Protein backbone atom coordinates (compact mmCIF):
# COMPACT_ATOMS: atom_id res chain seq x y z
CA MET A 1 -0.07 0.01 0.01
CA GLU A 2 1.21 3.46 -0.85
CA ARG A 3 1.75 5.62 2.30
CA VAL A 4 0.16 9.03 2.16
CA SER A 5 0.66 11.94 4.62
CA VAL A 6 -1.88 14.76 4.47
CA TYR A 7 -1.07 18.44 5.13
CA VAL A 8 -3.92 20.90 5.47
CA ASP A 9 -3.61 24.61 5.28
CA GLY A 10 -6.36 25.46 7.65
CA PHE A 11 -6.94 29.16 6.61
CA ASN A 12 -6.77 28.49 2.86
CA LEU A 13 -9.30 25.69 3.21
CA TYR A 14 -11.51 27.93 5.62
CA PHE A 15 -11.68 30.88 3.21
CA GLY A 16 -12.11 28.78 0.24
CA ILE A 17 -15.21 27.18 1.80
CA ASN A 18 -16.36 30.51 3.13
CA ASP A 19 -15.86 32.36 -0.19
CA SER A 20 -17.91 29.66 -2.02
CA GLY A 21 -20.92 30.48 0.24
CA TRP A 22 -20.71 27.02 1.90
CA ARG A 23 -20.41 28.14 5.63
CA ARG A 24 -22.57 25.06 6.40
CA TYR A 25 -19.56 22.86 5.60
CA LEU A 26 -17.17 24.57 7.87
CA TRP A 27 -17.73 22.08 10.67
CA LEU A 28 -15.44 19.80 8.76
CA ASP A 29 -14.20 16.45 9.73
CA ILE A 30 -10.61 16.85 8.50
CA ARG A 31 -9.45 13.24 9.17
CA ALA A 32 -12.69 11.91 7.19
CA LEU A 33 -11.95 14.32 4.30
CA ALA A 34 -8.37 13.21 4.07
CA GLN A 35 -9.42 9.42 4.07
CA ARG A 36 -12.00 10.17 1.36
CA LEU A 37 -9.29 11.72 -0.84
CA LEU A 38 -7.19 8.68 -1.01
CA LEU A 39 -7.12 6.11 -3.79
CA LYS A 40 -8.01 2.42 -3.20
CA ASP A 41 -4.27 1.38 -3.16
CA GLN A 42 -3.41 4.17 -0.59
CA HIS A 43 -3.04 4.13 3.12
CA LEU A 44 -3.54 7.14 5.35
CA ILE A 45 -0.36 7.67 7.65
CA GLU A 46 -1.15 10.91 9.35
CA VAL A 47 -2.85 14.24 8.96
CA LYS A 48 -1.37 17.56 9.89
CA TYR A 49 -3.54 20.66 10.20
CA PHE A 50 -1.78 24.19 10.16
CA THR A 51 -3.52 27.12 11.60
CA ALA A 52 -3.18 30.02 13.87
CA LEU A 53 -5.23 31.29 16.76
CA VAL A 54 -7.53 34.31 15.74
CA ARG A 55 -7.18 37.51 17.55
CA GLY A 56 -9.13 40.72 17.60
CA ASP A 57 -12.62 39.32 16.96
CA ILE A 58 -14.14 37.51 20.09
CA SER A 59 -16.83 35.72 18.15
CA LYS A 60 -14.58 34.35 15.53
CA ALA A 61 -12.10 33.28 18.17
CA ARG A 62 -14.89 31.48 20.12
CA ARG A 63 -15.91 29.77 16.94
CA GLN A 64 -12.46 28.55 16.12
CA SER A 65 -11.66 27.45 19.60
CA THR A 66 -14.90 25.17 19.50
CA TYR A 67 -14.00 23.69 16.22
CA LEU A 68 -10.30 23.07 17.13
CA GLN A 69 -11.41 21.35 20.24
CA ALA A 70 -13.89 19.28 18.17
CA LEU A 71 -10.96 18.25 15.91
CA HIS A 72 -8.85 17.30 18.82
CA GLU A 73 -11.61 15.17 20.28
CA THR A 74 -12.65 13.36 17.10
CA GLY A 75 -10.28 14.06 14.30
CA ASN A 76 -7.20 11.91 15.17
CA ILE A 77 -4.98 14.59 13.58
CA GLN A 78 -2.09 16.79 14.57
CA ILE A 79 -2.78 20.51 14.92
CA LEU A 80 0.27 22.85 14.39
CA TYR A 81 0.09 26.45 15.05
CA GLY A 82 1.48 29.74 13.63
CA ARG A 83 0.48 32.90 15.11
CA TYR A 84 -1.72 35.96 14.50
CA GLN A 85 0.49 39.06 14.69
CA GLU A 86 -0.74 42.70 15.42
CA LYS A 87 0.03 45.11 12.81
CA SER A 88 -0.71 48.85 13.03
CA LYS A 89 -2.08 50.55 9.89
CA LYS A 90 -2.34 54.28 9.13
CA CYS A 91 -4.24 56.24 6.52
CA PHE A 92 -2.00 59.00 5.14
CA SER A 93 -5.02 60.96 3.82
CA CYS A 94 -7.09 61.38 7.07
CA ASN A 95 -4.23 60.39 9.42
CA SER A 96 -6.35 57.98 11.33
CA SER A 97 -4.85 54.64 12.51
CA TRP A 98 -6.04 51.14 13.35
CA VAL A 99 -4.71 47.81 14.21
CA GLU A 100 -5.08 44.64 11.94
CA TYR A 101 -4.03 41.17 12.53
CA GLU A 102 -2.32 38.82 9.87
CA GLU A 103 -1.45 35.21 9.89
CA LYS A 104 2.36 34.47 10.25
CA MET A 105 4.42 31.35 10.28
CA SER A 106 1.84 28.70 9.35
CA ASP A 107 3.10 28.35 5.84
CA VAL A 108 6.80 28.12 7.07
CA ARG A 109 5.68 25.52 9.68
CA MET A 110 3.87 23.59 6.95
CA ALA A 111 6.75 23.54 4.61
CA SER A 112 9.20 22.58 7.40
CA GLU A 113 7.06 19.63 8.48
CA ILE A 114 6.62 18.50 4.81
CA LEU A 115 10.36 18.49 4.39
CA ARG A 116 11.05 16.88 7.68
CA ASP A 117 8.73 14.04 6.89
CA VAL A 118 10.12 13.23 3.48
CA PHE A 119 13.80 13.28 4.95
CA LEU A 120 12.43 10.70 7.61
CA ASP A 121 10.80 8.74 4.81
CA LYS A 122 7.29 8.86 6.47
CA PHE A 123 5.38 8.99 3.20
CA ASP A 124 5.41 7.87 -0.43
CA THR A 125 2.98 10.64 -1.34
CA ALA A 126 2.45 14.04 0.26
CA LEU A 127 -1.18 15.23 -0.37
CA ILE A 128 -1.37 18.95 0.25
CA LEU A 129 -4.52 20.86 0.67
CA SER A 130 -3.57 24.34 -0.16
CA ALA A 131 -3.17 26.88 -3.13
CA ASP A 132 -0.40 28.88 -1.45
CA ALA A 133 2.30 29.35 -3.95
CA ASP A 134 4.91 29.75 -1.14
CA LEU A 135 4.90 25.98 -0.98
CA GLN A 136 6.58 25.79 -4.32
CA PRO A 137 10.18 25.79 -2.77
CA PRO A 138 9.68 22.65 -0.56
CA ILE A 139 8.03 20.76 -3.44
CA GLU A 140 10.89 21.70 -5.66
CA ILE A 141 13.33 20.19 -3.08
CA ILE A 142 11.30 16.99 -2.89
CA LYS A 143 11.22 16.62 -6.59
CA ALA A 144 14.93 17.18 -6.93
CA GLU A 145 16.01 15.04 -3.83
CA PHE A 146 13.43 12.43 -3.76
CA PRO A 147 12.26 11.87 -7.27
CA GLN A 148 10.51 8.60 -6.27
CA LYS A 149 8.25 10.52 -4.01
CA LYS A 150 4.93 12.12 -5.17
CA VAL A 151 3.33 15.41 -4.34
CA VAL A 152 -0.37 15.79 -5.04
CA ILE A 153 -2.27 19.16 -4.63
CA ALA A 154 -5.75 19.19 -3.45
CA PHE A 155 -7.03 22.81 -4.11
CA PRO A 156 -9.72 24.18 -1.71
CA PRO A 157 -12.81 25.65 -3.29
CA LYS A 158 -12.26 29.02 -4.96
CA ARG A 159 -8.45 28.59 -4.66
CA ASP A 160 -5.94 27.75 -7.31
CA SER A 161 -2.16 28.26 -8.03
CA TYR A 162 -0.48 27.96 -11.49
CA HIS A 163 2.81 27.40 -9.84
CA LEU A 164 1.68 24.45 -7.78
CA ARG A 165 -0.15 22.85 -10.58
CA ASN A 166 2.90 23.02 -12.75
CA ILE A 167 5.02 21.45 -10.22
CA ALA A 168 2.90 18.73 -8.57
CA ASP A 169 2.56 15.08 -9.87
CA ALA A 170 -1.17 15.60 -9.90
CA HIS A 171 -3.80 18.16 -8.74
CA PHE A 172 -7.58 18.32 -8.17
CA ARG A 173 -10.22 20.47 -6.52
CA ILE A 174 -12.15 19.69 -3.45
CA GLY A 175 -15.82 19.91 -4.42
CA ARG A 176 -19.13 20.37 -2.52
CA GLY A 177 -19.88 16.69 -2.49
CA ARG A 178 -16.76 15.72 -0.51
CA LEU A 179 -17.21 18.48 2.04
CA SER A 180 -20.90 17.80 2.63
CA THR A 181 -20.23 14.11 3.40
CA CYS A 182 -17.31 14.74 5.84
CA GLN A 183 -18.97 16.79 8.52
CA LEU A 184 -18.48 16.39 12.35
CA PRO A 185 -21.39 15.44 14.54
CA LYS A 186 -23.52 18.50 15.48
CA LYS A 187 -22.75 17.81 19.26
CA ILE A 188 -19.54 16.27 20.61
CA THR A 189 -18.98 15.33 24.15
CA LYS A 190 -15.55 15.84 25.47
CA HIS A 191 -13.84 13.43 27.96
CA ASP A 192 -14.54 15.97 30.68
CA GLY A 193 -18.32 16.05 29.81
CA HIS A 194 -18.28 19.50 28.16
CA ILE A 195 -20.42 19.51 25.17
CA LEU A 196 -19.04 21.07 21.94
CA THR A 197 -21.82 22.25 19.53
CA ARG A 198 -21.59 23.38 16.01
CA PRO A 199 -21.67 27.21 15.88
CA VAL A 200 -24.99 28.42 14.74
CA GLU A 201 -23.34 30.69 12.08
CA TRP A 202 -22.20 27.60 10.40
CA SER A 203 -25.64 26.03 10.07
């Protein structure tokens, strides 16, 4: 059986689903989706999910926290974090200023994990759920140093990358059908008895 490790760009997937108007599919079972993307002769080794904790919006942070706890309880996946960094902005016309937050380090961590796993021979195929062209360099290293390994790109909805399409062994887009059949249970009971409920905004 061909060993497959799956790497998920959490924000790229989230915004792709959201921009498609499919918020009801955001309560996504990442492990189930990864399993559903495999071919018959492939075996899922592990799933790594990359994200950063939201700052600056309490309601978004609460929804994300609920979802990450749900994945931790049921997903059997590894969650790896970047960070949300505060950045000051200023309008030079009216001289007003404000604070925005931007995701940092998630793509670097994702690239690092992919390269570490290939050097440790953890997979035969890397299945990458992202359209972030910044992942081109690590894929180029894999193709140059480990030509027997395969890299497959699964583009989230509404996301694409010419650079990744041209360098990967194969690529495809994740559609509505796969998302709709890979949803977490509406309510999940944690080991401590706390009940996690799908956010109403995602209904």
